[in-house]
């Protein structure tokens, strides 16, 4: 009888331990799922951050490109005015030479 009682006690202890192991495995699985979700969220956040930076760089690039175009136009107009001024100076010099 003692052996049977001891055996019964050991079975209950084994069942209790098995239940604890199952609960621990469930908690572990939940932790792993949560970790995967966190990692996924971090990756999504990084992608969003990278996208925001790319968008800012694109806008800045477009802005600078626009400014460069404006500067190039101003440069072109300045060159044209310089050529006109040179032509006027040449004409004046020629007129002065004719008077002499």
C-alpha atoms as a PDB file:
ATOM      1  CA  UNK A   1       0.000   0.000   0.000  1.00  0.00           C
ATOM      2  CA  UNK A   2       2.793   2.383   0.804  1.00  0.00           C
ATOM      3  CA  UNK A   3       4.286   1.720  -2.599  1.00  0.00           C
ATOM      4  CA  UNK A   4       0.972   2.415  -4.291  1.00  0.00           C
ATOM      5  CA  UNK A   5       0.485   5.573  -2.260  1.00  0.00           C
ATOM      6  CA  UNK A   6       4.033   6.663  -3.103  1.00  0.00           C
ATOM      7  CA  UNK A   7       3.431   5.807  -6.775  1.00  0.00           C
ATOM      8  CA  UNK A   8       0.200   7.801  -6.780  1.00  0.00           C
ATOM      9  CA  UNK A   9       1.989  10.724  -5.134  1.00  0.00           C
ATOM     10  CA  UNK A  10       4.766  10.572  -7.726  1.00  0.00           C
ATOM     11  CA  UNK A  11       2.200  10.518 -10.555  1.00  0.00           C
ATOM     12  CA  UNK A  12       0.533  13.639  -9.150  1.00  0.00           C
ATOM     13  CA  UNK A  13       3.932  15.310  -8.838  1.00  0.00           C
ATOM     14  CA  UNK A  14       4.771  14.304 -12.425  1.00  0.00           C
ATOM     15  CA  UNK A  15       1.454  15.689 -13.678  1.00  0.00           C
ATOM     16  CA  UNK A  16       2.090  18.904 -11.756  1.00  0.00           C
ATOM     17  CA  UNK A  17       5.574  19.184 -13.237  1.00  0.00           C
ATOM     18  CA  UNK A  18       4.235  18.432 -16.727  1.00  0.00           C
ATOM     19  CA  UNK A  19       1.633  21.154 -16.276  1.00  0.00           C
ATOM     20  CA  UNK A  20       4.350  23.598 -15.149  1.00  0.00           C
ATOM     21  CA  UNK A  21       6.470  22.671 -18.175  1.00  0.00           C
ATOM     22  CA  UNK A  22       3.489  23.233 -20.494  1.00  0.00           C
ATOM     23  CA  UNK A  23       2.745  26.612 -18.882  1.00  0.00           C
ATOM     24  CA  UNK A  24       6.401  27.587 -19.186  1.00  0.00           C
ATOM     25  CA  UNK A  25       6.427  26.525 -22.860  1.00  0.00           C
ATOM     26  CA  UNK A  26       3.273  28.577 -23.468  1.00  0.00           C
ATOM     27  CA  UNK A  27       4.865  31.630 -21.814  1.00  0.00           C
ATOM     28  CA  UNK A  28       8.029  31.089 -23.828  1.00  0.00           C
ATOM     29  CA  UNK A  29       6.033  30.854 -27.062  1.00  0.00           C
ATOM     30  CA  UNK A  30       4.166  34.069 -26.200  1.00  0.00           C
ATOM     31  CA  UNK A  31       7.460  35.816 -25.440  1.00  0.00           C
ATOM     32  CA  UNK A  32       8.919  34.668 -28.754  1.00  0.00           C
ATOM     33  CA  UNK A  33       5.826  35.908 -30.618  1.00  0.00           C
ATOM     34  CA  UNK A  34       6.034  39.237 -28.801  1.00  0.00           C
ATOM     35  CA  UNK A  35       9.728  39.484 -29.642  1.00  0.00           C
ATOM     36  CA  UNK A  36       8.970  38.823 -33.330  1.00  0.00           C
ATOM     37  CA  UNK A  37       6.269  41.510 -33.274  1.00  0.00           C
ATOM     38  CA  UNK A  38       8.652  43.991 -31.638  1.00  0.00           C
ATOM     39  CA  UNK A  39      11.395  43.233 -34.162  1.00  0.00           C
ATOM     40  CA  UNK A  40       8.895  43.558 -37.019  1.00  0.00           C
ATOM     41  CA  UNK A  41       7.643  46.891 -35.637  1.00  0.00           C
ATOM     42  CA  UNK A  42      11.234  48.131 -35.315  1.00  0.00           C
ATOM     43  CA  UNK A  43      11.925  47.138 -38.924  1.00  0.00           C
ATOM     44  CA  UNK A  44       8.747  48.920 -40.062  1.00  0.00           C
ATOM     45  CA  UNK A  45       9.776  52.007 -38.095  1.00  0.00           C
ATOM     46  CA  UNK A  46      13.258  51.942 -39.679  1.00  0.00           C
ATOM     47  CA  UNK A  47      11.710  51.631 -43.139  1.00  0.00           C
ATOM     48  CA  UNK A  48       9.410  54.589 -42.374  1.00  0.00           C
ATOM     49  CA  UNK A  49      12.368  56.586 -41.041  1.00  0.00           C
ATOM     50  CA  UNK A  50      14.403  55.750 -44.139  1.00  0.00           C
ATOM     51  CA  UNK A  51      11.452  56.686 -46.346  1.00  0.00           C
ATOM     52  CA  UNK A  52      11.101  60.015 -44.549  1.00  0.00           C
ATOM     53  CA  UNK A  53      14.806  60.724 -44.980  1.00  0.00           C
ATOM     54  CA  UNK A  54      14.638  59.746 -48.647  1.00  0.00           C
ATOM     55  CA  UNK A  55      11.648  62.063 -49.111  1.00  0.00           C
ATOM     56  CA  UNK A  56      13.463  64.944 -47.396  1.00  0.00           C
ATOM     57  CA  UNK A  57      16.569  64.341 -49.511  1.00  0.00           C
ATOM     58  CA  UNK A  58      14.422  64.268 -52.652  1.00  0.00           C
ATOM     59  CA  UNK A  59      12.731  67.558 -51.711  1.00  0.00           C
ATOM     60  CA  UNK A  60      16.069  69.166 -50.866  1.00  0.00           C
ATOM     61  CA  UNK A  61      17.529  67.885 -54.122  1.00  0.00           C
ATOM     62  CA  UNK A  62      14.600  69.293 -56.086  1.00  0.00           C
ATOM     63  CA  UNK A  63      14.925  72.578 -54.213  1.00  0.00           C
ATOM     64  CA  UNK A  64      18.652  72.816 -54.917  1.00  0.00           C
ATOM     65  CA  UNK A  65      18.081  71.785 -58.507  1.00  0.00           C
ATOM     66  CA  UNK A  66      15.568  74.598 -58.835  1.00  0.00           C
ATOM     67  CA  UNK A  67      17.999  77.045 -57.259  1.00  0.00           C
ATOM     68  CA  UNK A  68      20.759  75.847 -59.590  1.00  0.00           C
ATOM     69  CA  UNK A  69      18.478  76.361 -62.587  1.00  0.00           C
ATOM     70  CA  UNK A  70      17.654  79.883 -61.418  1.00  0.00           C
ATOM     71  CA  UNK A  71      21.350  80.603 -60.899  1.00  0.00           C
ATOM     72  CA  UNK A  72      22.171  79.184 -64.344  1.00  0.00           C
ATOM     73  CA  UNK A  73      19.502  81.416 -65.918  1.00  0.00           C
ATOM     74  CA  UNK A  74      20.862  84.462 -64.089  1.00  0.00           C
ATOM     75  CA  UNK A  75      24.357  83.553 -65.242  1.00  0.00           C
ATOM     76  CA  UNK A  76      23.156  83.217 -68.827  1.00  0.00           C
ATOM     77  CA  UNK A  77      21.439  86.616 -68.691  1.00  0.00           C
ATOM     78  CA  UNK A  78      24.543  88.169 -67.126  1.00  0.00           C
ATOM     79  CA  UNK A  79      26.682  86.713 -69.921  1.00  0.00           C
ATOM     80  CA  UNK A  80      24.264  88.090 -72.517  1.00  0.00           C
ATOM     81  CA  UNK A  81      24.379  91.547 -70.898  1.00  0.00           C
ATOM     82  CA  UNK A  82      28.179  91.351 -70.759  1.00  0.00           C
ATOM     83  CA  UNK A  83      28.255  90.545 -74.476  1.00  0.00           C
ATOM     84  CA  UNK A  84      25.883  93.446 -75.167  1.00  0.00           C
ATOM     85  CA  UNK A  85      28.078  95.742 -73.069  1.00  0.00           C
ATOM     86  CA  UNK A  86      31.172  94.553 -74.959  1.00  0.00           C
ATOM     87  CA  UNK A  87      29.436  95.236 -78.265  1.00  0.00           C
ATOM     88  CA  UNK A  88      28.449  98.738 -77.095  1.00  0.00           C
ATOM     89  CA  UNK A  89      32.009  99.405 -75.905  1.00  0.00           C
ATOM     90  CA  UNK A  90      33.391  98.217 -79.230  1.00  0.00           C
ATOM     91  CA  UNK A  91      30.947 100.457 -81.079  1.00  0.00           C
ATOM     92  CA  UNK A  92      31.914 103.412 -78.891  1.00  0.00           C
ATOM     93  CA  UNK A  93      35.598 102.747 -79.476  1.00  0.00           C
ATOM     94  CA  UNK A  94      34.979 102.600 -83.234  1.00  0.00           C
ATOM     95  CA  UNK A  95      32.988 105.843 -83.111  1.00  0.00           C
ATOM     96  CA  UNK A  96      35.785 107.520 -81.163  1.00  0.00           C
ATOM     97  CA  UNK A  97      38.365 106.283 -83.669  1.00  0.00           C
ATOM     98  CA  UNK A  98      36.262 107.681 -86.553  1.00  0.00           C
ATOM     99  CA  UNK A  99      36.172 111.111 -84.880  1.00  0.00           C
ATOM    100  CA  UNK A 100      39.910 111.146 -84.448  1.00  0.00           C
END
